[in-house]
Amino acid sequence: MKTKAHIRYRLKDNTIVPGVTTITGILAKPALKFWANKIGLQGIEIRKYVDDKADIGTLAHAMVTDYLKGDKTNTDDYTKNQIGQAENAALSFFEWEKKYKIEPILIEKPLISEKYGFGGTADIYAKVDGVLELVDLKTGKGIFDEMRYQVSAYKELLIENGYPVDRVRILNIPRTENESFVDEIVRNCNIGFKIILSCLSIYNLKKEMKRG
């Protein structure tokens, strides 16, 4: 499949709760408006452009995670160009991986926080040179604050579910030559998680207000 199946997160009592990306979706993204305007002025249909990039990102993620699981990636539904760009991204991960001993523990494992009432799916939880690490994969122009907030939430999900985390890392694996490989160790996750909890509170209040 091109796009990942939407995961519905449920508490033990069957209550549906939001995922991390849904929670951060309430944050304002003023830069997106300027970017969308720039793309539109170039005569590019924004929806098709975004969908294409999303498909490439999905495939790149699959290539990396399938590799770590020892599975073969199905590329049947993708164009030659999408496969090529996804391979570029995956290759940058493979180059990075050569520097470390990676021992996967969880790959794309959906997790639930009964304590806070949200869910999320961490890309990679592994021992990296013996250190218990959360590794989040991104394909794009770089690493932004919203991504740091998200991994802070994934860290808390792992810890609550019995998986200690010693280090949090975001890897931006570029699709094309005009994008950069970025390897960032994320610090101040406690602050990032406070932002997540604030977003979650606003999300829940807005939902409650709609119910009247």
N, C-alpha and C. Protein backbone atom coordinates (compact mmCIF):
# COMPACT_ATOMS: atom_id res chain seq x y z
N MET A 1 0.84 -1.20 0.00
CA MET A 1 0.00 0.00 0.00
C MET A 1 0.87 1.24 0.00
N LYS A 2 0.38 2.30 -0.65
CA LYS A 2 1.15 3.53 -0.71
C LYS A 2 1.20 4.22 0.64
N THR A 3 0.05 4.45 1.22
CA THR A 3 0.01 5.18 2.48
C THR A 3 -0.17 4.21 3.63
N LYS A 4 0.40 4.58 4.77
CA LYS A 4 0.25 3.73 5.94
C LYS A 4 -1.21 3.71 6.38
N ALA A 5 -1.67 2.53 6.79
CA ALA A 5 -3.03 2.44 7.32
C ALA A 5 -3.12 3.30 8.58
N HIS A 6 -4.22 4.04 8.69
CA HIS A 6 -4.39 4.90 9.85
C HIS A 6 -4.60 4.04 11.09
N ILE A 7 -3.78 4.28 12.10
CA ILE A 7 -3.88 3.51 13.33
C ILE A 7 -4.85 4.19 14.29
N ARG A 8 -5.78 3.42 14.80
CA ARG A 8 -6.72 3.95 15.79
C ARG A 8 -6.23 3.50 17.17
N TYR A 9 -5.88 4.47 17.98
CA TYR A 9 -5.35 4.17 19.31
C TYR A 9 -6.48 4.09 20.32
N ARG A 10 -6.48 3.02 21.12
CA ARG A 10 -7.54 2.82 22.12
C ARG A 10 -6.93 2.49 23.48
N LEU A 11 -7.54 3.04 24.52
CA LEU A 11 -7.16 2.69 25.88
C LEU A 11 -7.73 1.31 26.22
N LYS A 12 -7.38 0.79 27.38
CA LYS A 12 -7.86 -0.54 27.79
C LYS A 12 -9.37 -0.60 27.89
N ASP A 13 -10.00 0.56 28.20
CA ASP A 13 -11.47 0.58 28.31
C ASP A 13 -12.13 0.85 26.96
N ASN A 14 -11.32 0.79 25.89
CA ASN A 14 -11.78 0.95 24.50
C ASN A 14 -12.01 2.41 24.08
N THR A 15 -11.65 3.36 24.93
CA THR A 15 -11.74 4.77 24.58
C THR A 15 -10.73 5.10 23.49
N ILE A 16 -11.20 5.74 22.42
CA ILE A 16 -10.30 6.14 21.34
C ILE A 16 -9.57 7.42 21.76
N VAL A 17 -8.25 7.43 21.59
CA VAL A 17 -7.44 8.59 21.96
C VAL A 17 -6.62 9.05 20.75
N PRO A 18 -6.22 10.32 20.73
CA PRO A 18 -5.47 10.83 19.58
C PRO A 18 -4.03 10.33 19.52
N GLY A 19 -3.48 10.31 18.31
CA GLY A 19 -2.08 9.99 18.13
C GLY A 19 -1.22 11.25 18.23
N VAL A 20 0.07 11.05 18.31
CA VAL A 20 1.00 12.16 18.48
C VAL A 20 0.90 13.18 17.35
N THR A 21 0.85 12.71 16.10
CA THR A 21 0.79 13.65 14.97
C THR A 21 -0.52 14.42 14.96
N THR A 22 -1.59 13.79 15.40
CA THR A 22 -2.88 14.49 15.52
C THR A 22 -2.79 15.59 16.57
N ILE A 23 -2.15 15.27 17.68
CA ILE A 23 -2.01 16.24 18.77
C ILE A 23 -1.21 17.47 18.31
N THR A 24 -0.08 17.25 17.66
CA THR A 24 0.75 18.38 17.22
C THR A 24 0.12 19.10 16.03
N GLY A 25 -0.89 18.49 15.44
CA GLY A 25 -1.59 19.13 14.32
C GLY A 25 -2.29 20.41 14.70
N ILE A 26 -2.52 20.64 16.00
CA ILE A 26 -3.19 21.88 16.42
C ILE A 26 -2.23 23.07 16.44
N LEU A 27 -0.93 22.81 16.34
CA LEU A 27 0.05 23.90 16.37
C LEU A 27 -0.02 24.73 15.09
N ALA A 28 0.13 26.03 15.24
CA ALA A 28 0.14 26.92 14.07
C ALA A 28 1.40 26.65 13.25
N LYS A 29 1.24 26.71 11.93
CA LYS A 29 2.37 26.48 11.02
C LYS A 29 2.43 27.63 10.00
N PRO A 30 2.78 28.84 10.44
CA PRO A 30 2.79 29.99 9.53
C PRO A 30 3.71 29.83 8.33
N ALA A 31 4.83 29.12 8.51
CA ALA A 31 5.77 28.94 7.41
C ALA A 31 5.15 28.14 6.27
N LEU A 32 4.20 27.26 6.61
CA LEU A 32 3.54 26.44 5.58
C LEU A 32 2.79 27.29 4.58
N LYS A 33 2.19 28.39 5.04
CA LYS A 33 1.43 29.26 4.15
C LYS A 33 2.34 29.88 3.10
N PHE A 34 3.51 30.35 3.54
CA PHE A 34 4.46 30.94 2.60
C PHE A 34 4.97 29.89 1.62
N TRP A 35 5.23 28.69 2.13
CA TRP A 35 5.72 27.61 1.27
C TRP A 35 4.66 27.22 0.23
N ALA A 36 3.41 27.08 0.67
CA ALA A 36 2.32 26.71 -0.24
C ALA A 36 2.12 27.78 -1.31
N ASN A 37 2.25 29.04 -0.91
CA ASN A 37 2.12 30.14 -1.86
C ASN A 37 3.23 30.09 -2.90
N LYS A 38 4.44 29.82 -2.44
CA LYS A 38 5.60 29.72 -3.34
C LYS A 38 5.42 28.60 -4.35
N ILE A 39 4.96 27.45 -3.88
CA ILE A 39 4.72 26.30 -4.76
C ILE A 39 3.63 26.64 -5.78
N GLY A 40 2.56 27.28 -5.30
CA GLY A 40 1.46 27.66 -6.19
C GLY A 40 1.89 28.62 -7.27
N LEU A 41 2.76 29.57 -6.91
CA LEU A 41 3.25 30.55 -7.90
C LEU A 41 4.11 29.89 -8.98
N GLN A 42 4.65 28.72 -8.67
CA GLN A 42 5.44 27.98 -9.66
C GLN A 42 4.55 27.14 -10.58
N GLY A 43 3.24 27.23 -10.36
CA GLY A 43 2.30 26.49 -11.20
C GLY A 43 2.18 25.02 -10.83
N ILE A 44 2.63 24.68 -9.62
CA ILE A 44 2.57 23.29 -9.16
C ILE A 44 1.29 23.08 -8.36
N GLU A 45 0.58 22.00 -8.68
CA GLU A 45 -0.65 21.68 -7.94
C GLU A 45 -0.26 21.15 -6.56
N ILE A 46 -0.58 21.92 -5.55
CA ILE A 46 -0.07 21.67 -4.19
C ILE A 46 -0.46 20.30 -3.65
N ARG A 47 -1.72 19.87 -3.87
CA ARG A 47 -2.18 18.59 -3.31
C ARG A 47 -1.39 17.42 -3.91
N LYS A 48 -1.21 17.46 -5.23
CA LYS A 48 -0.46 16.38 -5.88
C LYS A 48 0.99 16.36 -5.42
N TYR A 49 1.56 17.56 -5.26
CA TYR A 49 2.95 17.68 -4.83
C TYR A 49 3.13 17.09 -3.43
N VAL A 50 2.24 17.47 -2.52
CA VAL A 50 2.32 16.98 -1.14
C VAL A 50 2.11 15.47 -1.08
N ASP A 51 1.13 14.97 -1.83
CA ASP A 51 0.86 13.53 -1.84
C ASP A 51 2.05 12.74 -2.38
N ASP A 52 2.69 13.28 -3.43
CA ASP A 52 3.85 12.61 -4.02
C ASP A 52 4.99 12.53 -3.00
N LYS A 53 5.27 13.64 -2.33
CA LYS A 53 6.34 13.66 -1.34
C LYS A 53 6.02 12.72 -0.17
N ALA A 54 4.74 12.68 0.22
CA ALA A 54 4.32 11.79 1.31
C ALA A 54 4.52 10.33 0.92
N ASP A 55 4.19 9.99 -0.32
CA ASP A 55 4.38 8.62 -0.80
C ASP A 55 5.85 8.23 -0.78
N ILE A 56 6.71 9.16 -1.19
CA ILE A 56 8.15 8.90 -1.18
C ILE A 56 8.63 8.67 0.25
N GLY A 57 8.15 9.50 1.17
CA GLY A 57 8.52 9.35 2.58
C GLY A 57 8.05 8.02 3.16
N THR A 58 6.83 7.63 2.81
CA THR A 58 6.29 6.35 3.28
C THR A 58 7.13 5.19 2.78
N LEU A 59 7.51 5.25 1.50
CA LEU A 59 8.31 4.17 0.92
C LEU A 59 9.72 4.14 1.52
N ALA A 60 10.32 5.31 1.73
CA ALA A 60 11.66 5.37 2.34
C ALA A 60 11.64 4.76 3.74
N HIS A 61 10.60 5.12 4.52
CA HIS A 61 10.44 4.54 5.86
C HIS A 61 10.34 3.01 5.76
N ALA A 62 9.53 2.55 4.81
CA ALA A 62 9.34 1.10 4.65
C ALA A 62 10.64 0.41 4.28
N MET A 63 11.42 1.03 3.40
CA MET A 63 12.70 0.43 2.98
C MET A 63 13.64 0.26 4.17
N VAL A 64 13.67 1.26 5.04
CA VAL A 64 14.55 1.19 6.21
C VAL A 64 14.02 0.20 7.24
N THR A 65 12.74 0.32 7.58
CA THR A 65 12.19 -0.55 8.63
C THR A 65 12.09 -2.01 8.16
N ASP A 66 11.77 -2.22 6.89
CA ASP A 66 11.75 -3.59 6.36
C ASP A 66 13.15 -4.20 6.42
N TYR A 67 14.14 -3.40 6.08
CA TYR A 67 15.54 -3.85 6.14
C TYR A 67 15.89 -4.29 7.56
N LEU A 68 15.50 -3.48 8.54
CA LEU A 68 15.82 -3.80 9.93
C LEU A 68 15.07 -5.05 10.41
N LYS A 69 13.89 -5.30 9.82
CA LYS A 69 13.10 -6.49 10.18
C LYS A 69 13.47 -7.70 9.34
N GLY A 70 14.30 -7.48 8.31
CA GLY A 70 14.66 -8.58 7.43
C GLY A 70 13.60 -8.90 6.40
N ASP A 71 12.73 -7.92 6.11
CA ASP A 71 11.65 -8.11 5.13
C ASP A 71 11.99 -7.45 3.80
N LYS A 72 11.29 -7.86 2.76
CA LYS A 72 11.45 -7.26 1.43
C LYS A 72 10.37 -6.20 1.24
N THR A 73 10.75 -5.05 0.72
CA THR A 73 9.80 -3.95 0.53
C THR A 73 9.07 -4.09 -0.80
N ASN A 74 7.75 -4.00 -0.75
CA ASN A 74 6.93 -4.05 -1.96
C ASN A 74 6.85 -2.65 -2.56
N THR A 75 7.35 -2.48 -3.78
CA THR A 75 7.35 -1.16 -4.44
C THR A 75 6.38 -1.11 -5.62
N ASP A 76 5.50 -2.11 -5.72
CA ASP A 76 4.62 -2.23 -6.90
C ASP A 76 3.76 -0.99 -7.16
N ASP A 77 3.31 -0.32 -6.11
CA ASP A 77 2.37 0.80 -6.27
C ASP A 77 3.04 2.15 -6.49
N TYR A 78 4.36 2.15 -6.63
CA TYR A 78 5.09 3.42 -6.73
C TYR A 78 5.67 3.64 -8.12
N THR A 79 5.86 4.91 -8.46
CA THR A 79 6.45 5.25 -9.75
C THR A 79 7.97 5.07 -9.68
N LYS A 80 8.59 5.06 -10.85
CA LYS A 80 10.05 4.92 -10.91
C LYS A 80 10.73 6.07 -10.18
N ASN A 81 10.20 7.28 -10.35
CA ASN A 81 10.77 8.45 -9.69
C ASN A 81 10.63 8.35 -8.17
N GLN A 82 9.47 7.91 -7.71
CA GLN A 82 9.26 7.76 -6.26
C GLN A 82 10.20 6.71 -5.67
N ILE A 83 10.37 5.61 -6.39
CA ILE A 83 11.27 4.55 -5.91
C ILE A 83 12.71 5.07 -5.85
N GLY A 84 13.11 5.82 -6.88
CA GLY A 84 14.47 6.36 -6.92
C GLY A 84 14.75 7.30 -5.76
N GLN A 85 13.80 8.19 -5.47
CA GLN A 85 14.01 9.14 -4.37
C GLN A 85 13.97 8.44 -3.01
N ALA A 86 13.10 7.45 -2.88
CA ALA A 86 13.03 6.69 -1.63
C ALA A 86 14.33 5.91 -1.41
N GLU A 87 14.88 5.36 -2.48
CA GLU A 87 16.15 4.64 -2.38
C GLU A 87 17.28 5.57 -1.95
N ASN A 88 17.27 6.81 -2.48
CA ASN A 88 18.27 7.80 -2.07
C ASN A 88 18.22 8.01 -0.56
N ALA A 89 16.99 8.18 -0.05
CA ALA A 89 16.81 8.40 1.39
C ALA A 89 17.28 7.19 2.19
N ALA A 90 16.87 6.01 1.75
CA ALA A 90 17.25 4.78 2.47
C ALA A 90 18.77 4.58 2.46
N LEU A 91 19.40 4.90 1.34
CA LEU A 91 20.86 4.74 1.24
C LEU A 91 21.59 5.61 2.24
N SER A 92 21.06 6.81 2.50
CA SER A 92 21.72 7.68 3.48
C SER A 92 21.61 7.08 4.88
N PHE A 93 20.49 6.38 5.15
CA PHE A 93 20.37 5.67 6.43
C PHE A 93 21.39 4.55 6.50
N PHE A 94 21.52 3.79 5.41
CA PHE A 94 22.45 2.66 5.41
C PHE A 94 23.90 3.13 5.62
N GLU A 95 24.24 4.29 5.04
CA GLU A 95 25.58 4.86 5.24
C GLU A 95 25.77 5.24 6.71
N TRP A 96 24.75 5.85 7.29
CA TRP A 96 24.81 6.22 8.71
C TRP A 96 24.97 4.97 9.58
N GLU A 97 24.22 3.93 9.23
CA GLU A 97 24.19 2.70 10.04
C GLU A 97 25.56 2.02 10.10
N LYS A 98 26.38 2.20 9.06
CA LYS A 98 27.70 1.55 9.02
C LYS A 98 28.59 1.98 10.18
N LYS A 99 28.31 3.15 10.74
CA LYS A 99 29.15 3.68 11.83
C LYS A 99 28.81 3.07 13.19
N TYR A 100 27.68 2.37 13.26
CA TYR A 100 27.19 1.90 14.55
C TYR A 100 26.82 0.42 14.52
N LYS A 101 26.72 -0.16 15.70
CA LYS A 101 26.15 -1.49 15.83
C LYS A 101 24.70 -1.30 16.25
N ILE A 102 23.77 -1.65 15.36
CA ILE A 102 22.34 -1.46 15.60
C ILE A 102 21.69 -2.80 15.96
N GLU A 103 21.06 -2.84 17.12
CA GLU A 103 20.33 -4.04 17.55
C GLU A 103 18.86 -3.66 17.75
N PRO A 104 18.01 -3.86 16.73
CA PRO A 104 16.59 -3.46 16.83
C PRO A 104 15.86 -4.21 17.94
N ILE A 105 15.01 -3.47 18.66
CA ILE A 105 14.16 -4.06 19.69
C ILE A 105 12.69 -3.94 19.28
N LEU A 106 12.28 -2.73 18.89
CA LEU A 106 10.93 -2.49 18.38
C LEU A 106 11.02 -1.71 17.08
N ILE A 107 10.25 -2.11 16.10
CA ILE A 107 10.20 -1.39 14.82
C ILE A 107 8.74 -1.03 14.54
N GLU A 108 8.46 0.27 14.44
CA GLU A 108 7.12 0.78 14.16
C GLU A 108 6.07 0.11 15.06
N LYS A 109 6.30 0.19 16.35
CA LYS A 109 5.42 -0.44 17.33
C LYS A 109 4.41 0.58 17.87
N PRO A 110 3.11 0.39 17.62
CA PRO A 110 2.11 1.29 18.20
C PRO A 110 2.08 1.14 19.72
N LEU A 111 2.05 2.27 20.42
CA LEU A 111 2.05 2.28 21.88
C LEU A 111 0.96 3.20 22.40
N ILE A 112 0.48 2.90 23.59
CA ILE A 112 -0.59 3.69 24.22
C ILE A 112 -0.12 4.20 25.59
N SER A 113 -0.49 5.44 25.89
CA SER A 113 -0.29 5.96 27.24
C SER A 113 -1.63 5.96 27.96
N GLU A 114 -1.80 5.02 28.88
CA GLU A 114 -3.00 4.99 29.71
C GLU A 114 -2.98 6.18 30.68
N LYS A 115 -1.80 6.60 31.06
CA LYS A 115 -1.64 7.69 32.03
C LYS A 115 -2.10 9.03 31.46
N TYR A 116 -1.70 9.32 30.23
CA TYR A 116 -1.99 10.63 29.64
C TYR A 116 -3.10 10.61 28.59
N GLY A 117 -3.42 9.43 28.07
CA GLY A 117 -4.51 9.33 27.10
C GLY A 117 -4.14 9.73 25.69
N PHE A 118 -3.09 9.12 25.15
CA PHE A 118 -2.74 9.32 23.74
C PHE A 118 -1.94 8.11 23.26
N GLY A 119 -1.75 8.04 21.96
CA GLY A 119 -0.99 6.94 21.38
C GLY A 119 0.04 7.45 20.39
N GLY A 120 0.87 6.55 19.92
CA GLY A 120 1.87 6.93 18.93
C GLY A 120 2.67 5.71 18.50
N THR A 121 3.33 5.85 17.38
CA THR A 121 4.13 4.75 16.84
C THR A 121 5.57 5.20 16.64
N ALA A 122 6.46 4.65 17.43
CA ALA A 122 7.88 4.98 17.32
C ALA A 122 8.47 4.24 16.12
N ASP A 123 9.30 4.93 15.34
CA ASP A 123 9.91 4.29 14.17
C ASP A 123 10.84 3.15 14.58
N ILE A 124 11.87 3.50 15.34
CA ILE A 124 12.90 2.52 15.70
C ILE A 124 13.28 2.68 17.17
N TYR A 125 13.22 1.58 17.90
CA TYR A 125 13.75 1.54 19.26
C TYR A 125 14.79 0.43 19.25
N ALA A 126 16.04 0.79 19.53
CA ALA A 126 17.12 -0.16 19.36
C ALA A 126 18.28 0.15 20.29
N LYS A 127 19.17 -0.82 20.41
CA LYS A 127 20.46 -0.54 21.02
C LYS A 127 21.38 -0.02 19.92
N VAL A 128 21.91 1.16 20.12
CA VAL A 128 22.85 1.75 19.17
C VAL A 128 24.19 1.85 19.89
N ASP A 129 25.12 0.99 19.50
CA ASP A 129 26.39 0.86 20.23
C ASP A 129 26.14 0.64 21.73
N GLY A 130 25.14 -0.17 22.02
CA GLY A 130 24.84 -0.53 23.40
C GLY A 130 23.96 0.44 24.16
N VAL A 131 23.62 1.56 23.53
CA VAL A 131 22.79 2.58 24.18
C VAL A 131 21.34 2.42 23.72
N LEU A 132 20.40 2.38 24.66
CA LEU A 132 18.98 2.25 24.31
C LEU A 132 18.49 3.56 23.71
N GLU A 133 18.11 3.48 22.46
CA GLU A 133 17.87 4.72 21.70
C GLU A 133 16.57 4.66 20.91
N LEU A 134 15.89 5.80 20.89
CA LEU A 134 14.74 6.02 20.01
C LEU A 134 15.27 6.75 18.79
N VAL A 135 15.04 6.19 17.61
CA VAL A 135 15.46 6.82 16.36
C VAL A 135 14.23 7.11 15.52
N ASP A 136 14.02 8.36 15.19
CA ASP A 136 12.87 8.76 14.39
C ASP A 136 13.36 9.20 13.01
N LEU A 137 12.73 8.68 11.98
CA LEU A 137 13.13 8.98 10.60
C LEU A 137 12.27 10.08 10.00
N LYS A 138 12.91 11.03 9.34
CA LYS A 138 12.21 12.09 8.62
C LYS A 138 12.77 12.19 7.22
N THR A 139 11.90 12.53 6.27
CA THR A 139 12.35 12.78 4.90
C THR A 139 11.84 14.17 4.53
N GLY A 140 12.73 15.11 4.35
CA GLY A 140 12.29 16.46 4.03
C GLY A 140 13.43 17.44 3.99
N LYS A 141 13.09 18.70 4.19
CA LYS A 141 14.07 19.78 4.09
C LYS A 141 14.94 19.91 5.34
N GLY A 142 14.52 19.32 6.44
CA GLY A 142 15.29 19.45 7.66
C GLY A 142 14.49 19.02 8.87
N ILE A 143 14.99 19.37 10.05
CA ILE A 143 14.35 19.01 11.31
C ILE A 143 13.78 20.27 11.95
N PHE A 144 12.52 20.18 12.35
CA PHE A 144 11.82 21.35 12.89
C PHE A 144 11.32 21.05 14.31
N ASP A 145 10.94 22.11 15.02
CA ASP A 145 10.55 21.98 16.42
C ASP A 145 9.43 20.96 16.64
N GLU A 146 8.44 20.95 15.76
CA GLU A 146 7.32 20.02 15.92
C GLU A 146 7.81 18.57 15.97
N MET A 147 8.85 18.27 15.21
CA MET A 147 9.41 16.92 15.21
C MET A 147 10.05 16.60 16.56
N ARG A 148 10.66 17.61 17.15
CA ARG A 148 11.28 17.42 18.47
C ARG A 148 10.21 17.17 19.54
N TYR A 149 9.09 17.86 19.42
CA TYR A 149 7.99 17.62 20.36
C TYR A 149 7.48 16.19 20.21
N GLN A 150 7.35 15.76 18.95
CA GLN A 150 6.81 14.43 18.69
C GLN A 150 7.69 13.33 19.29
N VAL A 151 9.01 13.43 19.09
CA VAL A 151 9.87 12.38 19.65
C VAL A 151 9.88 12.41 21.17
N SER A 152 9.64 13.58 21.75
CA SER A 152 9.52 13.67 23.21
C SER A 152 8.33 12.84 23.69
N ALA A 153 7.25 12.86 22.90
CA ALA A 153 6.07 12.05 23.23
C ALA A 153 6.35 10.57 23.04
N TYR A 154 7.05 10.22 21.95
CA TYR A 154 7.38 8.81 21.72
C TYR A 154 8.27 8.27 22.84
N LYS A 155 9.18 9.11 23.31
CA LYS A 155 10.04 8.70 24.43
C LYS A 155 9.19 8.36 25.65
N GLU A 156 8.23 9.21 25.99
CA GLU A 156 7.37 8.96 27.15
C GLU A 156 6.53 7.70 26.96
N LEU A 157 6.06 7.47 25.73
CA LEU A 157 5.29 6.26 25.44
C LEU A 157 6.13 5.01 25.69
N LEU A 158 7.36 5.04 25.22
CA LEU A 158 8.25 3.90 25.42
C LEU A 158 8.50 3.65 26.90
N ILE A 159 8.82 4.72 27.62
CA ILE A 159 9.12 4.58 29.05
C ILE A 159 7.92 4.03 29.82
N GLU A 160 6.73 4.58 29.54
CA GLU A 160 5.52 4.12 30.24
C GLU A 160 5.24 2.64 29.97
N ASN A 161 5.62 2.18 28.78
CA ASN A 161 5.36 0.79 28.41
C ASN A 161 6.53 -0.14 28.73
N GLY A 162 7.47 0.34 29.54
CA GLY A 162 8.53 -0.53 30.03
C GLY A 162 9.79 -0.57 29.20
N TYR A 163 9.97 0.42 28.33
CA TYR A 163 11.16 0.46 27.48
C TYR A 163 11.99 1.71 27.82
N PRO A 164 13.03 1.58 28.63
CA PRO A 164 13.84 2.75 28.98
C PRO A 164 14.53 3.35 27.77
N VAL A 165 14.66 4.67 27.78
CA VAL A 165 15.28 5.39 26.66
C VAL A 165 16.44 6.23 27.19
N ASP A 166 17.64 5.93 26.71
CA ASP A 166 18.83 6.68 27.13
C ASP A 166 19.14 7.85 26.19
N ARG A 167 18.67 7.73 24.95
CA ARG A 167 19.00 8.78 23.97
C ARG A 167 17.90 8.84 22.91
N VAL A 168 17.67 10.05 22.41
CA VAL A 168 16.66 10.27 21.37
C VAL A 168 17.33 10.93 20.18
N ARG A 169 17.08 10.37 19.01
CA ARG A 169 17.75 10.86 17.80
C ARG A 169 16.73 11.03 16.67
N ILE A 170 16.87 12.11 15.90
CA ILE A 170 16.11 12.28 14.67
C ILE A 170 17.09 12.24 13.51
N LEU A 171 16.78 11.42 12.51
CA LEU A 171 17.57 11.36 11.29
C LEU A 171 16.74 11.90 10.14
N ASN A 172 17.21 12.96 9.51
CA ASN A 172 16.56 13.42 8.28
C ASN A 172 17.31 12.79 7.11
N ILE A 173 16.63 11.88 6.42
CA ILE A 173 17.28 11.16 5.32
C ILE A 173 16.77 11.76 4.00
N PRO A 174 17.65 12.45 3.27
CA PRO A 174 17.24 13.24 2.10
C PRO A 174 16.81 12.40 0.90
N ARG A 175 15.78 12.91 0.22
CA ARG A 175 15.27 12.25 -0.99
C ARG A 175 16.04 12.68 -2.23
N THR A 176 16.50 13.94 -2.22
CA THR A 176 17.17 14.51 -3.40
C THR A 176 18.42 15.27 -2.97
N GLU A 177 19.20 15.71 -3.95
CA GLU A 177 20.47 16.39 -3.66
C GLU A 177 20.27 17.76 -3.02
N ASN A 178 19.09 18.35 -3.20
CA ASN A 178 18.86 19.68 -2.60
C ASN A 178 18.34 19.58 -1.16
N GLU A 179 18.32 18.38 -0.62
CA GLU A 179 17.98 18.18 0.79
C GLU A 179 19.22 17.68 1.52
N SER A 180 19.26 17.88 2.82
CA SER A 180 20.46 17.54 3.59
C SER A 180 20.21 16.39 4.56
N PHE A 181 21.24 15.58 4.74
CA PHE A 181 21.22 14.57 5.78
C PHE A 181 21.49 15.27 7.11
N VAL A 182 20.63 15.03 8.08
CA VAL A 182 20.80 15.63 9.41
C VAL A 182 20.67 14.55 10.47
N ASP A 183 21.64 14.51 11.37
CA ASP A 183 21.64 13.57 12.48
C ASP A 183 21.63 14.41 13.76
N GLU A 184 20.48 14.45 14.44
CA GLU A 184 20.36 15.30 15.62
C GLU A 184 19.99 14.51 16.87
N ILE A 185 20.78 14.67 17.90
CA ILE A 185 20.43 14.14 19.21
C ILE A 185 19.51 15.16 19.88
N VAL A 186 18.32 14.74 20.25
CA VAL A 186 17.32 15.66 20.81
C VAL A 186 17.46 15.72 22.33
N ARG A 187 17.65 16.93 22.82
CA ARG A 187 17.78 17.13 24.25
C ARG A 187 16.53 17.87 24.76
N ASN A 188 16.43 18.07 26.04
CA ASN A 188 15.29 18.79 26.64
C ASN A 188 13.95 18.15 26.28
N CYS A 189 13.92 16.81 26.22
CA CYS A 189 12.67 16.12 25.90
C CYS A 189 11.60 16.37 26.96
N ASN A 190 12.03 16.67 28.19
CA ASN A 190 11.05 16.97 29.24
C ASN A 190 10.25 18.22 28.90
N ILE A 191 10.92 19.20 28.29
CA ILE A 191 10.22 20.42 27.86
C ILE A 191 9.33 20.12 26.66
N GLY A 192 9.87 19.34 25.73
CA GLY A 192 9.08 18.96 24.55
C GLY A 192 7.81 18.24 24.94
N PHE A 193 7.90 17.40 25.98
CA PHE A 193 6.71 16.65 26.40
C PHE A 193 5.70 17.56 27.10
N LYS A 194 6.18 18.59 27.78
CA LYS A 194 5.25 19.57 28.38
C LYS A 194 4.45 20.27 27.28
N ILE A 195 5.10 20.54 26.15
CA ILE A 195 4.40 21.15 25.01
C ILE A 195 3.36 20.17 24.47
N ILE A 196 3.73 18.89 24.38
CA ILE A 196 2.78 17.86 23.94
C ILE A 196 1.56 17.81 24.85
N LEU A 197 1.79 17.84 26.15
CA LEU A 197 0.67 17.79 27.10
C LEU A 197 -0.22 19.02 26.98
N SER A 198 0.39 20.17 26.72
CA SER A 198 -0.41 21.39 26.51
C SER A 198 -1.26 21.26 25.25
N CYS A 199 -0.65 20.73 24.18
CA CYS A 199 -1.40 20.51 22.93
C CYS A 199 -2.52 19.51 23.14
N LEU A 200 -2.24 18.45 23.89
CA LEU A 200 -3.25 17.43 24.16
C LEU A 200 -4.42 18.02 24.94
N SER A 201 -4.11 18.88 25.89
CA SER A 201 -5.16 19.53 26.68
C SER A 201 -6.06 20.38 25.79
N ILE A 202 -5.44 21.16 24.91
CA ILE A 202 -6.21 22.01 23.98
C ILE A 202 -7.03 21.13 23.03
N TYR A 203 -6.42 20.07 22.52
CA TYR A 203 -7.13 19.14 21.62
C TYR A 203 -8.38 18.59 22.30
N ASN A 204 -8.23 18.12 23.53
CA ASN A 204 -9.36 17.53 24.26
C ASN A 204 -10.43 18.57 24.59
N LEU A 205 -10.01 19.78 24.95
CA LEU A 205 -10.97 20.85 25.26
C LEU A 205 -11.76 21.26 24.02
N LYS A 206 -11.08 21.35 22.87
CA LYS A 206 -11.77 21.69 21.62
C LYS A 206 -12.80 20.62 21.26
N LYS A 207 -12.41 19.36 21.48
CA LYS A 207 -13.31 18.24 21.19
C LYS A 207 -14.53 18.29 22.11
N GLU A 208 -14.27 18.61 23.38
CA GLU A 208 -15.35 18.70 24.37
C GLU A 208 -16.31 19.84 24.04
N MET A 209 -15.74 20.96 23.59
CA MET A 209 -16.56 22.13 23.26
C MET A 209 -17.46 21.84 22.06
N LYS A 210 -16.96 21.07 21.10
CA LYS A 210 -17.77 20.71 19.92
C LYS A 210 -18.98 19.86 20.31
N ARG A 211 -18.78 19.05 21.36
CA ARG A 211 -19.88 18.19 21.81
C ARG A 211 -20.99 19.01 22.47
N GLY A 212 -20.60 20.22 22.96
CA GLY A 212 -21.58 21.12 23.54
C GLY A 212 -21.97 20.79 24.97
